[in-house]
Amino acid sequence: MKNITIKANDFFELLKLKDQSMWDIFAQMIDDEEKEIVFLNDDKEYIFHYVLPTTLEKLQHDKELFAKEYTEKLSGLN
């Protein structure tokens, strides 16, 4: 498995500038090799990681699962 390290703030700022979602970028990165994407803060401390699948179908499933979990977490804040 290949490891990719990303500074989260820079990554999400770039997404805003390009008006793209992280899922669009992830889709472009898919090939035959599974990748672990590690997100770090500006102090190079671990925030979270995501294992990029090798198929668009699995990526779509992950996207749907993420949206569901995110919605559930937001509704729990109210």
PDB file of N, CA and C in Angstrom:
ATOM      1  N   MET A   1       0.847  -1.169   0.000  1.00  0.00           N
ATOM      2  CA  MET A   1       0.000   0.000   0.000  1.00  0.00           C
ATOM      3  C   MET A   1       0.897   1.238   0.000  1.00  0.00           C
ATOM      4  N   LYS A   2       0.560   2.163  -0.856  1.00  0.00           N
ATOM      5  CA  LYS A   2       1.313   3.402  -0.963  1.00  0.00           C
ATOM      6  C   LYS A   2       0.765   4.415   0.046  1.00  0.00           C
ATOM      7  N   ASN A   3       1.645   5.173   0.697  1.00  0.00           N
ATOM      8  CA  ASN A   3       1.247   6.200   1.649  1.00  0.00           C
ATOM      9  C   ASN A   3       1.398   7.578   1.019  1.00  0.00           C
ATOM     10  N   ILE A   4       0.373   8.409   1.200  1.00  0.00           N
ATOM     11  CA  ILE A   4       0.390   9.783   0.717  1.00  0.00           C
ATOM     12  C   ILE A   4       0.069  10.680   1.907  1.00  0.00           C
ATOM     13  N   THR A   5       0.900  11.670   2.147  1.00  0.00           N
ATOM     14  CA  THR A   5       0.684  12.600   3.251  1.00  0.00           C
ATOM     15  C   THR A   5       0.258  13.944   2.689  1.00  0.00           C
ATOM     16  N   ILE A   6      -0.812  14.493   3.279  1.00  0.00           N
ATOM     17  CA  ILE A   6      -1.378  15.756   2.795  1.00  0.00           C
ATOM     18  C   ILE A   6      -1.557  16.710   3.969  1.00  0.00           C
ATOM     19  N   LYS A   7      -1.162  17.964   3.774  1.00  0.00           N
ATOM     20  CA  LYS A   7      -1.470  18.989   4.766  1.00  0.00           C
ATOM     21  C   LYS A   7      -2.927  19.397   4.557  1.00  0.00           C
ATOM     22  N   ALA A   8      -3.759  19.114   5.533  1.00  0.00           N
ATOM     23  CA  ALA A   8      -5.207  19.270   5.401  1.00  0.00           C
ATOM     24  C   ALA A   8      -5.621  20.693   5.013  1.00  0.00           C
ATOM     25  N   ASN A   9      -5.120  21.700   5.705  1.00  0.00           N
ATOM     26  CA  ASN A   9      -5.540  23.076   5.403  1.00  0.00           C
ATOM     27  C   ASN A   9      -5.236  23.462   3.963  1.00  0.00           C
ATOM     28  N   ASP A  10      -4.038  23.146   3.497  1.00  0.00           N
ATOM     29  CA  ASP A  10      -3.663  23.458   2.116  1.00  0.00           C
ATOM     30  C   ASP A  10      -4.543  22.711   1.117  1.00  0.00           C
ATOM     31  N   PHE A  11      -4.804  21.443   1.408  1.00  0.00           N
ATOM     32  CA  PHE A  11      -5.619  20.612   0.523  1.00  0.00           C
ATOM     33  C   PHE A  11      -7.029  21.185   0.389  1.00  0.00           C
ATOM     34  N   PHE A  12      -7.663  21.506   1.522  1.00  0.00           N
ATOM     35  CA  PHE A  12      -9.037  21.994   1.469  1.00  0.00           C
ATOM     36  C   PHE A  12      -9.130  23.407   0.904  1.00  0.00           C
ATOM     37  N   GLU A  13      -8.104  24.221   1.099  1.00  0.00           N
ATOM     38  CA  GLU A  13      -8.069  25.539   0.461  1.00  0.00           C
ATOM     39  C   GLU A  13      -7.971  25.390  -1.054  1.00  0.00           C
ATOM     40  N   LEU A  14      -7.146  24.462  -1.510  1.00  0.00           N
ATOM     41  CA  LEU A  14      -7.015  24.211  -2.943  1.00  0.00           C
ATOM     42  C   LEU A  14      -8.340  23.736  -3.541  1.00  0.00           C
ATOM     43  N   LEU A  15      -9.038  22.878  -2.812  1.00  0.00           N
ATOM     44  CA  LEU A  15     -10.349  22.412  -3.286  1.00  0.00           C
ATOM     45  C   LEU A  15     -11.314  23.579  -3.453  1.00  0.00           C
ATOM     46  N   LYS A  16     -11.307  24.508  -2.510  1.00  0.00           N
ATOM     47  CA  LYS A  16     -12.177  25.689  -2.603  1.00  0.00           C
ATOM     48  C   LYS A  16     -11.820  26.522  -3.833  1.00  0.00           C
ATOM     49  N   LEU A  17     -10.519  26.739  -4.040  1.00  0.00           N
ATOM     50  CA  LEU A  17     -10.075  27.538  -5.175  1.00  0.00           C
ATOM     51  C   LEU A  17     -10.450  26.902  -6.508  1.00  0.00           C
ATOM     52  N   LYS A  18     -10.351  25.583  -6.571  1.00  0.00           N
ATOM     53  CA  LYS A  18     -10.654  24.864  -7.810  1.00  0.00           C
ATOM     54  C   LYS A  18     -12.126  24.500  -7.928  1.00  0.00           C
ATOM     55  N   ASP A  19     -12.903  24.763  -6.854  1.00  0.00           N
ATOM     56  CA  ASP A  19     -14.318  24.423  -6.808  1.00  0.00           C
ATOM     57  C   ASP A  19     -14.540  22.936  -7.116  1.00  0.00           C
ATOM     58  N   GLN A  20     -13.760  22.096  -6.426  1.00  0.00           N
ATOM     59  CA  GLN A  20     -13.857  20.648  -6.565  1.00  0.00           C
ATOM     60  C   GLN A  20     -14.083  20.029  -5.195  1.00  0.00           C
ATOM     61  N   SER A  21     -14.604  18.816  -5.200  1.00  0.00           N
ATOM     62  CA  SER A  21     -14.748  18.088  -3.943  1.00  0.00           C
ATOM     63  C   SER A  21     -13.549  17.162  -3.767  1.00  0.00           C
ATOM     64  N   MET A  22     -13.332  16.750  -2.527  1.00  0.00           N
ATOM     65  CA  MET A  22     -12.230  15.804  -2.287  1.00  0.00           C
ATOM     66  C   MET A  22     -12.503  14.501  -3.014  1.00  0.00           C
ATOM     67  N   TRP A  23     -13.766  14.162  -3.197  1.00  0.00           N
ATOM     68  CA  TRP A  23     -14.124  12.918  -3.880  1.00  0.00           C
ATOM     69  C   TRP A  23     -13.722  12.975  -5.348  1.00  0.00           C
ATOM     70  N   ASP A  24     -13.808  14.151  -5.966  1.00  0.00           N
ATOM     71  CA  ASP A  24     -13.350  14.312  -7.358  1.00  0.00           C
ATOM     72  C   ASP A  24     -11.846  14.040  -7.451  1.00  0.00           C
ATOM     73  N   ILE A  25     -11.104  14.599  -6.501  1.00  0.00           N
ATOM     74  CA  ILE A  25      -9.648  14.402  -6.484  1.00  0.00           C
ATOM     75  C   ILE A  25      -9.325  12.934  -6.223  1.00  0.00           C
ATOM     76  N   PHE A  26     -10.001  12.349  -5.246  1.00  0.00           N
ATOM     77  CA  PHE A  26      -9.761  10.940  -4.935  1.00  0.00           C
ATOM     78  C   PHE A  26     -10.033  10.056  -6.153  1.00  0.00           C
ATOM     79  N   ALA A  27     -11.088  10.350  -6.898  1.00  0.00           N
ATOM     80  CA  ALA A  27     -11.430   9.555  -8.088  1.00  0.00           C
ATOM     81  C   ALA A  27     -10.288   9.600  -9.112  1.00  0.00           C
ATOM     82  N   GLN A  28      -9.642  10.757  -9.229  1.00  0.00           N
ATOM     83  CA  GLN A  28      -8.531  10.900 -10.174  1.00  0.00           C
ATOM     84  C   GLN A  28      -7.298  10.115  -9.733  1.00  0.00           C
ATOM     85  N   MET A  29      -7.209   9.805  -8.459  1.00  0.00           N
ATOM     86  CA  MET A  29      -6.040   9.113  -7.912  1.00  0.00           C
ATOM     87  C   MET A  29      -6.155   7.589  -7.970  1.00  0.00           C
ATOM     88  N   ILE A  30      -7.339   7.089  -8.309  1.00  0.00           N
ATOM     89  CA  ILE A  30      -7.557   5.639  -8.286  1.00  0.00           C
ATOM     90  C   ILE A  30      -6.799   4.947  -9.407  1.00  0.00           C
ATOM     91  N   ASP A  31      -6.108   3.882  -9.033  1.00  0.00           N
ATOM     92  CA  ASP A  31      -5.470   2.981  -9.985  1.00  0.00           C
ATOM     93  C   ASP A  31      -5.481   1.589  -9.361  1.00  0.00           C
ATOM     94  N   ASP A  32      -4.622   0.736  -9.776  1.00  0.00           N
ATOM     95  CA  ASP A  32      -4.622  -0.640  -9.270  1.00  0.00           C
ATOM     96  C   ASP A  32      -4.020  -0.785  -7.879  1.00  0.00           C
ATOM     97  N   GLU A  33      -3.462   0.292  -7.342  1.00  0.00           N
ATOM     98  CA  GLU A  33      -2.795   0.213  -6.042  1.00  0.00           C
ATOM     99  C   GLU A  33      -3.602   0.947  -4.973  1.00  0.00           C
ATOM    100  N   GLU A  34      -3.850   0.259  -3.857  1.00  0.00           N
ATOM    101  CA  GLU A  34      -4.520   0.888  -2.733  1.00  0.00           C
ATOM    102  C   GLU A  34      -3.576   1.914  -2.110  1.00  0.00           C
ATOM    103  N   LYS A  35      -4.144   3.062  -1.694  1.00  0.00           N
ATOM    104  CA  LYS A  35      -3.328   4.125  -1.122  1.00  0.00           C
ATOM    105  C   LYS A  35      -3.910   4.560   0.220  1.00  0.00           C
ATOM    106  N   GLU A  36      -3.035   4.822   1.178  1.00  0.00           N
ATOM    107  CA  GLU A  36      -3.469   5.402   2.435  1.00  0.00           C
ATOM    108  C   GLU A  36      -3.122   6.883   2.395  1.00  0.00           C
ATOM    109  N   ILE A  37      -4.155   7.715   2.520  1.00  0.00           N
ATOM    110  CA  ILE A  37      -3.973   9.158   2.507  1.00  0.00           C
ATOM    111  C   ILE A  37      -4.040   9.628   3.956  1.00  0.00           C
ATOM    112  N   VAL A  38      -2.957  10.221   4.414  1.00  0.00           N
ATOM    113  CA  VAL A  38      -2.864  10.694   5.795  1.00  0.00           C
ATOM    114  C   VAL A  38      -2.926  12.215   5.782  1.00  0.00           C
ATOM    115  N   PHE A  39      -3.865  12.756   6.549  1.00  0.00           N
ATOM    116  CA  PHE A  39      -4.039  14.201   6.643  1.00  0.00           C
ATOM    117  C   PHE A  39      -3.383  14.701   7.920  1.00  0.00           C
ATOM    118  N   LEU A  40      -2.562  15.741   7.761  1.00  0.00           N
ATOM    119  CA  LEU A  40      -1.854  16.354   8.881  1.00  0.00           C
ATOM    120  C   LEU A  40      -2.278  17.808   9.040  1.00  0.00           C
ATOM    121  N   ASN A  41      -2.171  18.321  10.263  1.00  0.00           N
ATOM    122  CA  ASN A  41      -2.432  19.742  10.474  1.00  0.00           C
ATOM    123  C   ASN A  41      -1.165  20.541  10.128  1.00  0.00           C
ATOM    124  N   ASP A  42      -1.210  21.837  10.359  1.00  0.00           N
ATOM    125  CA  ASP A  42      -0.063  22.685  10.005  1.00  0.00           C
ATOM    126  C   ASP A  42       1.176  22.382  10.837  1.00  0.00           C
ATOM    127  N   ASP A  43       0.987  21.759  11.990  1.00  0.00           N
ATOM    128  CA  ASP A  43       2.115  21.363  12.837  1.00  0.00           C
ATOM    129  C   ASP A  43       2.600  19.946  12.522  1.00  0.00           C
ATOM    130  N   LYS A  44       2.116  19.402  11.412  1.00  0.00           N
ATOM    131  CA  LYS A  44       2.470  18.061  10.952  1.00  0.00           C
ATOM    132  C   LYS A  44       2.023  16.963  11.912  1.00  0.00           C
ATOM    133  N   GLU A  45       0.921  17.233  12.611  1.00  0.00           N
ATOM    134  CA  GLU A  45       0.338  16.244  13.518  1.00  0.00           C
ATOM    135  C   GLU A  45      -0.814  15.547  12.806  1.00  0.00           C
ATOM    136  N   TYR A  46      -0.965  14.266  13.092  1.00  0.00           N
ATOM    137  CA  TYR A  46      -1.999  13.434  12.477  1.00  0.00           C
ATOM    138  C   TYR A  46      -3.390  13.963  12.819  1.00  0.00           C
ATOM    139  N   ILE A  47      -4.260  14.052  11.794  1.00  0.00           N
ATOM    140  CA  ILE A  47      -5.666  14.409  12.004  1.00  0.00           C
ATOM    141  C   ILE A  47      -6.542  13.186  11.730  1.00  0.00           C
ATOM    142  N   PHE A  48      -6.434  12.640  10.512  1.00  0.00           N
ATOM    143  CA  PHE A  48      -7.187  11.451  10.141  1.00  0.00           C
ATOM    144  C   PHE A  48      -6.562  10.838   8.899  1.00  0.00           C
ATOM    145  N   HIS A  49      -7.048   9.660   8.537  1.00  0.00           N
ATOM    146  CA  HIS A  49      -6.558   9.029   7.312  1.00  0.00           C
ATOM    147  C   HIS A  49      -7.721   8.403   6.558  1.00  0.00           C
ATOM    148  N   TYR A  50      -7.473   8.109   5.303  1.00  0.00           N
ATOM    149  CA  TYR A  50      -8.468   7.463   4.449  1.00  0.00           C
ATOM    150  C   TYR A  50      -7.723   6.493   3.540  1.00  0.00           C
ATOM    151  N   VAL A  51      -8.225   5.275   3.461  1.00  0.00           N
ATOM    152  CA  VAL A  51      -7.653   4.290   2.545  1.00  0.00           C
ATOM    153  C   VAL A  51      -8.427   4.382   1.237  1.00  0.00           C
ATOM    154  N   LEU A  52      -7.743   4.878   0.236  1.00  0.00           N
ATOM    155  CA  LEU A  52      -8.344   5.049  -1.087  1.00  0.00           C
ATOM    156  C   LEU A  52      -8.511   3.687  -1.742  1.00  0.00           C
ATOM    157  N   PRO A  53      -9.737   3.347  -2.143  1.00  0.00           N
ATOM    158  CA  PRO A  53      -9.953   2.041  -2.771  1.00  0.00           C
ATOM    159  C   PRO A  53      -9.395   1.998  -4.195  1.00  0.00           C
ATOM    160  N   THR A  54      -9.471   0.840  -4.784  1.00  0.00           N
ATOM    161  CA  THR A  54      -8.943   0.659  -6.141  1.00  0.00           C
ATOM    162  C   THR A  54     -10.022   0.732  -7.216  1.00  0.00           C
ATOM    163  N   THR A  55     -11.286   0.957  -6.799  1.00  0.00           N
ATOM    164  CA  THR A  55     -12.366   1.052  -7.793  1.00  0.00           C
ATOM    165  C   THR A  55     -13.249   2.269  -7.516  1.00  0.00           C
ATOM    166  N   LEU A  56     -13.833   2.809  -8.570  1.00  0.00           N
ATOM    167  CA  LEU A  56     -14.758   3.926  -8.425  1.00  0.00           C
ATOM    168  C   LEU A  56     -16.022   3.513  -7.680  1.00  0.00           C
ATOM    169  N   GLU A  57     -16.431   2.262  -7.843  1.00  0.00           N
ATOM    170  CA  GLU A  57     -17.634   1.772  -7.155  1.00  0.00           C
ATOM    171  C   GLU A  57     -17.446   1.814  -5.642  1.00  0.00           C
ATOM    172  N   LYS A  58     -16.290   1.381  -5.169  1.00  0.00           N
ATOM    173  CA  LYS A  58     -16.010   1.399  -3.738  1.00  0.00           C
ATOM    174  C   LYS A  58     -15.882   2.840  -3.251  1.00  0.00           C
ATOM    175  N   LEU A  59     -15.284   3.696  -4.046  1.00  0.00           N
ATOM    176  CA  LEU A  59     -15.178   5.109  -3.689  1.00  0.00           C
ATOM    177  C   LEU A  59     -16.570   5.716  -3.529  1.00  0.00           C
ATOM    178  N   GLN A  60     -17.469   5.406  -4.450  1.00  0.00           N
ATOM    179  CA  GLN A  60     -18.841   5.914  -4.378  1.00  0.00           C
ATOM    180  C   GLN A  60     -19.517   5.412  -3.100  1.00  0.00           C
ATOM    181  N   HIS A  61     -19.298   4.160  -2.757  1.00  0.00           N
ATOM    182  CA  HIS A  61     -19.857   3.594  -1.517  1.00  0.00           C
ATOM    183  C   HIS A  61     -19.304   4.347  -0.300  1.00  0.00           C
ATOM    184  N   ASP A  62     -18.010   4.602  -0.288  1.00  0.00           N
ATOM    185  CA  ASP A  62     -17.387   5.344   0.809  1.00  0.00           C
ATOM    186  C   ASP A  62     -17.967   6.752   0.911  1.00  0.00           C
ATOM    187  N   LYS A  63     -18.177   7.373  -0.234  1.00  0.00           N
ATOM    188  CA  LYS A  63     -18.731   8.729  -0.273  1.00  0.00           C
ATOM    189  C   LYS A  63     -20.132   8.747   0.342  1.00  0.00           C
ATOM    190  N   GLU A  64     -20.950   7.770  -0.014  1.00  0.00           N
ATOM    191  CA  GLU A  64     -22.310   7.687   0.531  1.00  0.00           C
ATOM    192  C   GLU A  64     -22.280   7.425   2.033  1.00  0.00           C
ATOM    193  N   LEU A  65     -21.403   6.544   2.465  1.00  0.00           N
ATOM    194  CA  LEU A  65     -21.263   6.234   3.886  1.00  0.00           C
ATOM    195  C   LEU A  65     -20.788   7.464   4.665  1.00  0.00           C
ATOM    196  N   PHE A  66     -19.821   8.180   4.113  1.00  0.00           N
ATOM    197  CA  PHE A  66     -19.319   9.391   4.745  1.00  0.00           C
ATOM    198  C   PHE A  66     -20.439  10.422   4.895  1.00  0.00           C
ATOM    199  N   ALA A  67     -21.215  10.623   3.837  1.00  0.00           N
ATOM    200  CA  ALA A  67     -22.306  11.604   3.871  1.00  0.00           C
ATOM    201  C   ALA A  67     -23.327  11.234   4.948  1.00  0.00           C
ATOM    202  N   LYS A  68     -23.642   9.959   5.044  1.00  0.00           N
ATOM    203  CA  LYS A  68     -24.601   9.493   6.050  1.00  0.00           C
ATOM    204  C   LYS A  68     -24.062   9.735   7.457  1.00  0.00           C
ATOM    205  N   GLU A  69     -22.817   9.335   7.701  1.00  0.00           N
ATOM    206  CA  GLU A  69     -22.224   9.510   9.027  1.00  0.00           C
ATOM    207  C   GLU A  69     -22.073  10.989   9.378  1.00  0.00           C
ATOM    208  N   TYR A  70     -21.706  11.798   8.421  1.00  0.00           N
ATOM    209  CA  TYR A  70     -21.545  13.237   8.643  1.00  0.00           C
ATOM    210  C   TYR A  70     -22.890  13.862   9.013  1.00  0.00           C
ATOM    211  N   THR A  71     -23.934  13.486   8.309  1.00  0.00           N
ATOM    212  CA  THR A  71     -25.279  13.990   8.593  1.00  0.00           C
ATOM    213  C   THR A  71     -25.723  13.583   9.995  1.00  0.00           C
ATOM    214  N   GLU A  72     -25.457  12.322  10.347  1.00  0.00           N
ATOM    215  CA  GLU A  72     -25.832  11.845  11.675  1.00  0.00           C
ATOM    216  C   GLU A  72     -25.090  12.613  12.770  1.00  0.00           C
ATOM    217  N   LYS A  73     -23.819  12.891  12.553  1.00  0.00           N
ATOM    218  CA  LYS A  73     -23.043  13.632  13.551  1.00  0.00           C
ATOM    219  C   LYS A  73     -23.542  15.056  13.679  1.00  0.00           C
ATOM    220  N   LEU A  74     -23.880  15.681  12.547  1.00  0.00           N
ATOM    221  CA  LEU A  74     -24.393  17.049  12.601  1.00  0.00           C
ATOM    222  C   LEU A  74     -25.745  17.104  13.287  1.00  0.00           C
ATOM    223  N   SER A  75     -26.605  16.139  13.036  1.00  0.00           N
ATOM    224  CA  SER A  75     -27.925  16.143  13.676  1.00  0.00           C
ATOM    225  C   SER A  75     -27.806  15.912  15.178  1.00  0.00           C
ATOM    226  N   GLY A  76     -26.769  15.240  15.608  1.00  0.00           N
ATOM    227  CA  GLY A  76     -26.545  15.007  17.033  1.00  0.00           C
ATOM    228  C   GLY A  76     -26.054  16.242  17.763  1.00  0.00           C
ATOM    229  N   LEU A  77     -25.595  17.249  17.001  1.00  0.00           N
ATOM    230  CA  LEU A  77     -25.116  18.481  17.613  1.00  0.00           C
ATOM    231  C   LEU A  77     -26.247  19.441  17.960  1.00  0.00           C
ATOM    232  N   ASN A  78     -27.399  19.230  17.391  1.00  0.00           N
ATOM    233  CA  ASN A  78     -28.533  20.147  17.604  1.00  0.00           C
ATOM    234  C   ASN A  78     -29.288  19.833  18.860  1.00  0.00           C
TER     235      ASN A  78
END
